Amino acid sequence: MMRLENICRDFQVGDQVVHALDHVDLEIKPGEYISIMGPSGSGKSTLLNILGLLDRPNLGTYWLNGADVSSLDDNALAEQRQQHIGFIFQAFHLIPRLSALENVELPLLLAGAPVAARRDRAREVLDSVGLATRLDHRPDQLSGGERQRVAIGRAIVMNPGLLLADEPTGNLDSRSSEDVIELIEQLNRNGISLMVVTHDPDIGRRAQRHISLRDGKIVTDDGRLSR
């Protein structure tokens, strides 16, 4: 489904070059549940941004569903993201003035879906994440756990094959964290590939495959043992 070959990503910081990703090779198979762990600055979020087509590598090749997406222009990358990848962030990134329903509708609106179809689909998704009674509430009228559920709904409304979660429980209490993790794990059981970046070892251990980064390199990947 996804394969990175010899991926490097460098950043200029003052007069120094930081190697955020240093010759990374990675393959993600359909339906996998992967955790990405490592200390701050190890390259976890950079790796997620590359996989999510939010950033470009300085070197290397990225294959997505059999196609080389490394050299696509911005419009083509946006189309690939829209069709194949969903994102969940620690800070939710909901639009404050929009209701839960409108926030979840947004990807469908950008994709040009008809009003009735996108409204029905957004309602269906919010019902599936347990928010059928909160459709008209704005983010400031929702709890942290509810806001993350809206964000999950927005991430899956286009039926992506891959869900990327960057510290999805970082702003939540323990009860809400458990609810959110169980929800995205259910999505994985339903067939979505799931990759979770986390500092929490308890969450990291729940994944089927565990990858550890340090200084921009993959230092452990227990998924390689079976290949």
C-alpha atoms as a PDB file:
ATOM      1  CA  MET A   1       0.000   0.000   0.000  1.00  0.00           C
ATOM      2  CA  MET A   2       2.744   2.484   1.002  1.00  0.00           C
ATOM      3  CA  ARG A   3       6.494   2.196   0.649  1.00  0.00           C
ATOM      4  CA  LEU A   4       9.272   4.637   1.447  1.00  0.00           C
ATOM      5  CA  GLU A   5      12.700   4.040  -0.076  1.00  0.00           C
ATOM      6  CA  ASN A   6      15.800   5.896   1.120  1.00  0.00           C
ATOM      7  CA  ILE A   7      13.785   8.881   2.381  1.00  0.00           C
ATOM      8  CA  CYS A   8      15.745  11.870   3.683  1.00  0.00           C
ATOM      9  CA  ARG A   9      14.309  15.139   5.011  1.00  0.00           C
ATOM     10  CA  ASP A  10      16.660  17.937   6.035  1.00  0.00           C
ATOM     11  CA  PHE A  11      15.889  21.301   7.628  1.00  0.00           C
ATOM     12  CA  GLN A  12      18.131  24.342   7.804  1.00  0.00           C
ATOM     13  CA  VAL A  13      18.255  25.690  11.382  1.00  0.00           C
ATOM     14  CA  GLY A  14      20.511  28.719  11.525  1.00  0.00           C
ATOM     15  CA  ASP A  15      23.845  27.640  10.116  1.00  0.00           C
ATOM     16  CA  GLN A  16      23.205  23.949  10.810  1.00  0.00           C
ATOM     17  CA  VAL A  17      21.432  21.240   8.819  1.00  0.00           C
ATOM     18  CA  VAL A  18      19.128  18.978  10.848  1.00  0.00           C
ATOM     19  CA  HIS A  19      18.591  15.493   9.409  1.00  0.00           C
ATOM     20  CA  ALA A  20      14.975  14.957  10.498  1.00  0.00           C
ATOM     21  CA  LEU A  21      14.771  11.730   8.465  1.00  0.00           C
ATOM     22  CA  ASP A  22      17.961   9.935   7.510  1.00  0.00           C
ATOM     23  CA  HIS A  23      17.679   7.278   4.765  1.00  0.00           C
ATOM     24  CA  VAL A  24      14.412   5.740   5.985  1.00  0.00           C
ATOM     25  CA  ASP A  25      12.971   2.601   4.364  1.00  0.00           C
ATOM     26  CA  LEU A  26       9.443   1.616   5.385  1.00  0.00           C
ATOM     27  CA  GLU A  27       6.613  -0.500   4.000  1.00  0.00           C
ATOM     28  CA  ILE A  28       3.039  -0.324   5.287  1.00  0.00           C
ATOM     29  CA  LYS A  29       0.693  -3.126   4.319  1.00  0.00           C
ATOM     30  CA  PRO A  30      -3.107  -2.818   4.063  1.00  0.00           C
ATOM     31  CA  GLY A  31      -4.863  -3.135   7.422  1.00  0.00           C
ATOM     32  CA  GLU A  32      -1.755  -2.800   9.607  1.00  0.00           C
ATOM     33  CA  TYR A  33      -1.853  -1.126  13.038  1.00  0.00           C
ATOM     34  CA  ILE A  34       1.481   0.546  13.690  1.00  0.00           C
ATOM     35  CA  SER A  35       2.784   2.687  16.530  1.00  0.00           C
ATOM     36  CA  ILE A  36       5.652   5.130  16.014  1.00  0.00           C
ATOM     37  CA  MET A  37       7.639   6.036  19.126  1.00  0.00           C
ATOM     38  CA  GLY A  38      10.857   7.810  19.988  1.00  0.00           C
ATOM     39  CA  PRO A  39      12.158  10.853  21.886  1.00  0.00           C
ATOM     40  CA  SER A  40      11.263  14.419  20.926  1.00  0.00           C
ATOM     41  CA  GLY A  41      13.118  15.414  17.788  1.00  0.00           C
ATOM     42  CA  SER A  42      13.537  11.835  16.579  1.00  0.00           C
ATOM     43  CA  GLY A  43      11.575  12.437  13.363  1.00  0.00           C
ATOM     44  CA  LYS A  44       8.161  10.983  14.242  1.00  0.00           C
ATOM     45  CA  SER A  45       6.018  13.904  13.085  1.00  0.00           C
ATOM     46  CA  THR A  46       8.233  14.484  10.047  1.00  0.00           C
ATOM     47  CA  LEU A  47       7.694  10.865   9.030  1.00  0.00           C
ATOM     48  CA  LEU A  48       3.937  11.264   9.442  1.00  0.00           C
ATOM     49  CA  ASN A  49       3.963  14.456   7.367  1.00  0.00           C
ATOM     50  CA  ILE A  50       5.864  12.711   4.577  1.00  0.00           C
ATOM     51  CA  LEU A  51       3.484   9.735   4.633  1.00  0.00           C
ATOM     52  CA  GLY A  52       0.511  12.099   4.682  1.00  0.00           C
ATOM     53  CA  LEU A  53       1.821  14.095   1.690  1.00  0.00           C
ATOM     54  CA  LEU A  54       1.965  17.249   3.814  1.00  0.00           C
ATOM     55  CA  ASP A  55       5.718  17.509   3.245  1.00  0.00           C
ATOM     56  CA  ARG A  56       8.206  16.392   0.614  1.00  0.00           C
ATOM     57  CA  PRO A  57      11.470  14.516   1.120  1.00  0.00           C
ATOM     58  CA  ASN A  58      14.783  15.946  -0.030  1.00  0.00           C
ATOM     59  CA  LEU A  59      15.763  12.510  -1.292  1.00  0.00           C
ATOM     60  CA  GLY A  60      14.122   9.153  -1.859  1.00  0.00           C
ATOM     61  CA  THR A  61      10.977   7.665  -3.363  1.00  0.00           C
ATOM     62  CA  TYR A  62       7.473   7.332  -1.933  1.00  0.00           C
ATOM     63  CA  TRP A  63       5.173   4.731  -3.478  1.00  0.00           C
ATOM     64  CA  LEU A  64       1.450   5.016  -2.680  1.00  0.00           C
ATOM     65  CA  ASN A  65      -0.837   2.265  -3.974  1.00  0.00           C
ATOM     66  CA  GLY A  66       1.749   1.322  -6.576  1.00  0.00           C
ATOM     67  CA  ALA A  67       2.332   4.864  -7.888  1.00  0.00           C
ATOM     68  CA  ASP A  68       5.402   7.040  -7.325  1.00  0.00           C
ATOM     69  CA  VAL A  69       4.043  10.214  -5.688  1.00  0.00           C
ATOM     70  CA  SER A  70       7.460  11.725  -4.911  1.00  0.00           C
ATOM     71  CA  SER A  71       7.442  14.217  -7.781  1.00  0.00           C
ATOM     72  CA  LEU A  72       3.757  15.144  -7.977  1.00  0.00           C
ATOM     73  CA  ASP A  73       2.805  18.816  -7.975  1.00  0.00           C
ATOM     74  CA  ASP A  74       0.833  20.378  -5.120  1.00  0.00           C
ATOM     75  CA  ASN A  75      -2.568  19.885  -6.742  1.00  0.00           C
ATOM     76  CA  ALA A  76      -1.911  16.225  -7.454  1.00  0.00           C
ATOM     77  CA  LEU A  77      -0.657  15.686  -3.894  1.00  0.00           C
ATOM     78  CA  ALA A  78      -3.819  17.304  -2.510  1.00  0.00           C
ATOM     79  CA  GLU A  79      -5.936  14.952  -4.622  1.00  0.00           C
ATOM     80  CA  GLN A  80      -4.017  11.925  -3.349  1.00  0.00           C
ATOM     81  CA  ARG A  81      -4.452  13.072   0.268  1.00  0.00           C
ATOM     82  CA  GLN A  82      -8.154  13.627  -0.252  1.00  0.00           C
ATOM     83  CA  GLN A  83      -8.698  10.186  -1.745  1.00  0.00           C
ATOM     84  CA  HIS A  84      -6.478   7.999   0.412  1.00  0.00           C
ATOM     85  CA  ILE A  85      -5.400   9.539   3.743  1.00  0.00           C
ATOM     86  CA  GLY A  86      -7.133  10.739   6.906  1.00  0.00           C
ATOM     87  CA  PHE A  87      -5.483  12.766   9.682  1.00  0.00           C
ATOM     88  CA  ILE A  88      -6.067  13.068  13.434  1.00  0.00           C
ATOM     89  CA  PHE A  89      -4.093  15.691  15.356  1.00  0.00           C
ATOM     90  CA  GLN A  90      -3.476  16.339  19.035  1.00  0.00           C
ATOM     91  CA  ALA A  91      -4.979  19.845  18.789  1.00  0.00           C
ATOM     92  CA  PHE A  92      -8.112  18.703  16.857  1.00  0.00           C
ATOM     93  CA  HIS A  93      -7.849  21.555  14.282  1.00  0.00           C
ATOM     94  CA  LEU A  94     -11.603  22.016  14.054  1.00  0.00           C
ATOM     95  CA  ILE A  95     -13.022  25.257  12.634  1.00  0.00           C
ATOM     96  CA  PRO A  96     -14.506  27.083  15.658  1.00  0.00           C
ATOM     97  CA  ARG A  97     -17.424  28.768  13.888  1.00  0.00           C
ATOM     98  CA  LEU A  98     -18.659  25.541  12.282  1.00  0.00           C
ATOM     99  CA  SER A  99     -20.883  22.923  13.894  1.00  0.00           C
ATOM    100  CA  ALA A 100     -19.777  19.337  14.326  1.00  0.00           C
ATOM    101  CA  LEU A 101     -21.783  18.419  11.236  1.00  0.00           C
ATOM    102  CA  GLU A 102     -20.242  21.217   9.172  1.00  0.00           C
ATOM    103  CA  ASN A 103     -16.708  20.332  10.291  1.00  0.00           C
ATOM    104  CA  VAL A 104     -17.193  16.725   9.185  1.00  0.00           C
ATOM    105  CA  GLU A 105     -18.796  17.852   5.922  1.00  0.00           C
ATOM    106  CA  LEU A 106     -15.817  20.017   4.990  1.00  0.00           C
ATOM    107  CA  PRO A 107     -13.755  17.397   3.074  1.00  0.00           C
ATOM    108  CA  LEU A 108     -16.858  16.462   1.084  1.00  0.00           C
ATOM    109  CA  LEU A 109     -17.522  20.129   0.330  1.00  0.00           C
ATOM    110  CA  LEU A 110     -13.965  20.556  -0.939  1.00  0.00           C
ATOM    111  CA  ALA A 111     -14.406  17.418  -3.048  1.00  0.00           C
ATOM    112  CA  GLY A 112     -17.504  18.921  -4.687  1.00  0.00           C
ATOM    113  CA  ALA A 113     -20.071  16.510  -3.251  1.00  0.00           C
ATOM    114  CA  PRO A 114     -23.722  17.602  -3.578  1.00  0.00           C
ATOM    115  CA  VAL A 115     -25.246  19.236  -0.500  1.00  0.00           C
ATOM    116  CA  ALA A 116     -27.721  16.460   0.340  1.00  0.00           C
ATOM    117  CA  ALA A 117     -25.175  13.682  -0.158  1.00  0.00           C
ATOM    118  CA  ARG A 118     -22.505  15.297   1.980  1.00  0.00           C
ATOM    119  CA  ARG A 119     -25.017  16.150   4.727  1.00  0.00           C
ATOM    120  CA  ASP A 120     -26.270  12.545   4.839  1.00  0.00           C
ATOM    121  CA  ARG A 121     -22.728  11.151   4.855  1.00  0.00           C
ATOM    122  CA  ALA A 122     -21.608  13.509   7.655  1.00  0.00           C
ATOM    123  CA  ARG A 123     -24.612  12.534   9.781  1.00  0.00           C
ATOM    124  CA  GLU A 124     -23.852   8.851   9.187  1.00  0.00           C
ATOM    125  CA  VAL A 125     -20.222   9.307  10.256  1.00  0.00           C
ATOM    126  CA  LEU A 126     -21.052  11.332  13.365  1.00  0.00           C
ATOM    127  CA  ASP A 127     -23.552   8.664  14.367  1.00  0.00           C
ATOM    128  CA  SER A 128     -20.815   6.024  13.944  1.00  0.00           C
ATOM    129  CA  VAL A 129     -18.506   7.918  16.364  1.00  0.00           C
ATOM    130  CA  GLY A 130     -21.259   8.368  18.958  1.00  0.00           C
ATOM    131  CA  LEU A 131     -22.199  12.001  18.299  1.00  0.00           C
ATOM    132  CA  ALA A 132     -25.619  11.700  16.683  1.00  0.00           C
ATOM    133  CA  THR A 133     -27.085  14.063  19.308  1.00  0.00           C
ATOM    134  CA  ARG A 134     -24.326  16.704  18.988  1.00  0.00           C
ATOM    135  CA  LEU A 135     -24.541  17.538  15.290  1.00  0.00           C
ATOM    136  CA  ASP A 136     -25.292  21.235  15.743  1.00  0.00           C
ATOM    137  CA  HIS A 137     -22.790  21.915  18.531  1.00  0.00           C
ATOM    138  CA  ARG A 138     -19.734  24.047  17.823  1.00  0.00           C
ATOM    139  CA  PRO A 139     -16.321  22.904  19.113  1.00  0.00           C
ATOM    140  CA  ASP A 140     -16.494  25.238  22.137  1.00  0.00           C
ATOM    141  CA  GLN A 141     -19.712  23.471  23.160  1.00  0.00           C
ATOM    142  CA  LEU A 142     -18.083  20.035  23.145  1.00  0.00           C
ATOM    143  CA  SER A 143     -15.761  18.250  25.556  1.00  0.00           C
ATOM    144  CA  GLY A 144     -12.211  17.389  24.525  1.00  0.00           C
ATOM    145  CA  GLY A 145     -13.166  13.796  23.828  1.00  0.00           C
ATOM    146  CA  GLU A 146     -16.151  14.882  21.745  1.00  0.00           C
ATOM    147  CA  ARG A 147     -13.997  17.297  19.744  1.00  0.00           C
ATOM    148  CA  GLN A 148     -11.570  14.497  18.968  1.00  0.00           C
ATOM    149  CA  ARG A 149     -14.475  12.327  17.848  1.00  0.00           C
ATOM    150  CA  VAL A 150     -15.558  15.086  15.464  1.00  0.00           C
ATOM    151  CA  ALA A 151     -11.969  15.225  14.187  1.00  0.00           C
ATOM    152  CA  ILE A 152     -12.013  11.450  13.671  1.00  0.00           C
ATOM    153  CA  GLY A 153     -15.297  11.764  11.800  1.00  0.00           C
ATOM    154  CA  ARG A 154     -13.781  14.407   9.530  1.00  0.00           C
ATOM    155  CA  ALA A 155     -10.734  12.141   8.979  1.00  0.00           C
ATOM    156  CA  ILE A 156     -12.805   9.146   7.844  1.00  0.00           C
ATOM    157  CA  VAL A 157     -15.676  10.813   5.979  1.00  0.00           C
ATOM    158  CA  MET A 158     -13.910  10.260   2.626  1.00  0.00           C
ATOM    159  CA  ASN A 159     -13.304   6.555   3.394  1.00  0.00           C
ATOM    160  CA  PRO A 160      -9.486   6.704   3.421  1.00  0.00           C
ATOM    161  CA  GLY A 161      -7.351   3.589   3.332  1.00  0.00           C
ATOM    162  CA  LEU A 162      -4.861   5.016   5.825  1.00  0.00           C
ATOM    163  CA  LEU A 163      -5.458   6.905   9.067  1.00  0.00           C
ATOM    164  CA  LEU A 164      -2.521   8.886  10.513  1.00  0.00           C
ATOM    165  CA  ALA A 165      -2.850   9.940  14.163  1.00  0.00           C
ATOM    166  CA  ASP A 166      -0.293  12.326  15.709  1.00  0.00           C
ATOM    167  CA  GLU A 167      -0.557  12.143  19.523  1.00  0.00           C
ATOM    168  CA  PRO A 168      -4.363  11.728  19.258  1.00  0.00           C
ATOM    169  CA  THR A 169      -4.832  11.535  23.046  1.00  0.00           C
ATOM    170  CA  GLY A 170      -2.308  14.194  24.043  1.00  0.00           C
ATOM    171  CA  ASN A 171      -4.975  16.739  25.080  1.00  0.00           C
ATOM    172  CA  LEU A 172      -7.396  14.273  26.669  1.00  0.00           C
ATOM    173  CA  ASP A 173      -8.026  12.856  30.129  1.00  0.00           C
ATOM    174  CA  SER A 174      -7.519   9.146  30.695  1.00  0.00           C
ATOM    175  CA  ARG A 175     -11.181   8.175  30.192  1.00  0.00           C
ATOM    176  CA  SER A 176     -11.499  10.153  26.953  1.00  0.00           C
ATOM    177  CA  SER A 177      -8.137   8.806  25.800  1.00  0.00           C
ATOM    178  CA  GLU A 178      -9.327   5.229  26.214  1.00  0.00           C
ATOM    179  CA  ASP A 179     -12.541   5.972  24.325  1.00  0.00           C
ATOM    180  CA  VAL A 180     -10.671   7.591  21.431  1.00  0.00           C
ATOM    181  CA  ILE A 181      -8.112   4.784  21.163  1.00  0.00           C
ATOM    182  CA  GLU A 182     -10.846   2.144  21.192  1.00  0.00           C
ATOM    183  CA  LEU A 183     -12.674   4.050  18.450  1.00  0.00           C
ATOM    184  CA  ILE A 184      -9.695   4.274  16.096  1.00  0.00           C
ATOM    185  CA  GLU A 185      -8.806   0.642  16.832  1.00  0.00           C
ATOM    186  CA  GLN A 186     -12.311  -0.328  15.750  1.00  0.00           C
ATOM    187  CA  LEU A 187     -11.736   1.567  12.503  1.00  0.00           C
ATOM    188  CA  ASN A 188      -8.575  -0.486  12.044  1.00  0.00           C
ATOM    189  CA  ARG A 189     -10.500  -3.716  12.664  1.00  0.00           C
ATOM    190  CA  ASN A 190     -12.895  -2.551   9.950  1.00  0.00           C
ATOM    191  CA  GLY A 191     -10.005  -2.438   7.487  1.00  0.00           C
ATOM    192  CA  ILE A 192      -8.365   0.998   7.725  1.00  0.00           C
ATOM    193  CA  SER A 193      -4.581   0.976   8.079  1.00  0.00           C
ATOM    194  CA  LEU A 194      -3.686   2.857  11.256  1.00  0.00           C
ATOM    195  CA  MET A 195      -0.449   4.581  12.236  1.00  0.00           C
ATOM    196  CA  VAL A 196      -0.256   6.264  15.643  1.00  0.00           C
ATOM    197  CA  VAL A 197       2.563   8.544  16.788  1.00  0.00           C
ATOM    198  CA  THR A 198       2.664   8.608  20.585  1.00  0.00           C
ATOM    199  CA  HIS A 199       4.888   9.274  23.582  1.00  0.00           C
ATOM    200  CA  ASP A 200       2.673   7.025  25.724  1.00  0.00           C
ATOM    201  CA  PRO A 201       4.178   3.510  25.965  1.00  0.00           C
ATOM    202  CA  ASP A 202       0.827   2.023  27.013  1.00  0.00           C
ATOM    203  CA  ILE A 203      -0.771   3.275  23.801  1.00  0.00           C
ATOM    204  CA  GLY A 204       2.250   2.285  21.745  1.00  0.00           C
ATOM    205  CA  ARG A 205       2.121  -1.295  22.997  1.00  0.00           C
ATOM    206  CA  ARG A 206      -1.480  -1.708  21.813  1.00  0.00           C
ATOM    207  CA  ALA A 207      -0.397  -1.678  18.162  1.00  0.00           C
ATOM    208  CA  GLN A 208       0.390  -4.881  16.262  1.00  0.00           C
ATOM    209  CA  ARG A 209       3.657  -3.459  14.918  1.00  0.00           C
ATOM    210  CA  HIS A 210       6.045  -1.178  16.786  1.00  0.00           C
ATOM    211  CA  ILE A 211       8.544   1.190  15.175  1.00  0.00           C
ATOM    212  CA  SER A 212      11.053   3.272  17.111  1.00  0.00           C
ATOM    213  CA  LEU A 213      12.871   6.298  15.712  1.00  0.00           C
ATOM    214  CA  ARG A 214      16.005   8.029  16.939  1.00  0.00           C
ATOM    215  CA  ASP A 215      17.921  10.822  15.221  1.00  0.00           C
ATOM    216  CA  GLY A 216      15.869  10.425  12.077  1.00  0.00           C
ATOM    217  CA  LYS A 217      16.540   6.688  11.690  1.00  0.00           C
ATOM    218  CA  ILE A 218      14.374   3.628  12.294  1.00  0.00           C
ATOM    219  CA  VAL A 219      16.211   1.804  15.080  1.00  0.00           C
ATOM    220  CA  THR A 220      13.649  -0.949  15.717  1.00  0.00           C
ATOM    221  CA  ASP A 221      10.758  -2.316  13.669  1.00  0.00           C
ATOM    222  CA  ASP A 222       9.349  -5.638  14.826  1.00  0.00           C
ATOM    223  CA  GLY A 223       7.280  -5.858  11.622  1.00  0.00           C
ATOM    224  CA  ARG A 224      10.453  -6.581   9.692  1.00  0.00           C
ATOM    225  CA  LEU A 225      10.804  -9.929  11.455  1.00  0.00           C
ATOM    226  CA  SER A 226       7.965 -11.390   9.423  1.00  0.00           C
ATOM    227  CA  ARG A 227       9.203 -10.197   6.030  1.00  0.00           C
END
